[in-house]
Amino acid sequence: MKKITQLFVLVIMLFNYKCATKEKVHTKNHVILDFKDCDSKEKQYDFIQINITKDFKKDKMINDAFCEYRFINKDKSIVYVSSDIYRGSRLNYKNLYNIGIDGYYPRRTMFSDTIKNQGKDTQNLYWLEYVLGDVVIGYTRVSEENKQKYDTIISSLKRVKKP
């Protein structure tokens, strides 16, 4: 009888784990971002795909013919993807300026595979900006508890030919 009870508890635990795992999978979303009408002679893509949870609100901005998508969470943290490889996002301008960066020079940007800048802001929240050749991705206002989640979103970026 004891073995049957243990087996029953084990089956219930496995079932609960499987349901929790399924729930996490369903909250992820493959988002395709359309950059085909964005101006940048260095751009080698029309679409970007990232995996982001559904609890973010998506906005699109156009600054000087460069496009930027922002994903805003209810805690005010933001993930962004931009085609502006010369200035990055305005969201991290102050953070970059505080570490001595006032934009990315075209020559350096074009010959670099990756430029990574990161740190903590004045409110002790994390920020990050990657220039990955012809695209910029980053985040701002991220708490320490959520940093791994945001790093996973950043690492999910893919250039795709068609949606």
Foldseek 3Di string as FASTA:
>chain_A
DVVVVVVVVVVVVVVVVVVVVVVVVVQKDWDKDAQQQADDPQDPFGIKIWIDGPQWDWDWDADPRKIKIWTAHPVRKIKMKIQQQFQADPVCQVVCVVVPDRTHDPVVLQPDQKDKDKDADPVRAIKIWMSHRRMIIIMDRHHPVCPVVVVRRVVRMDGDHDD
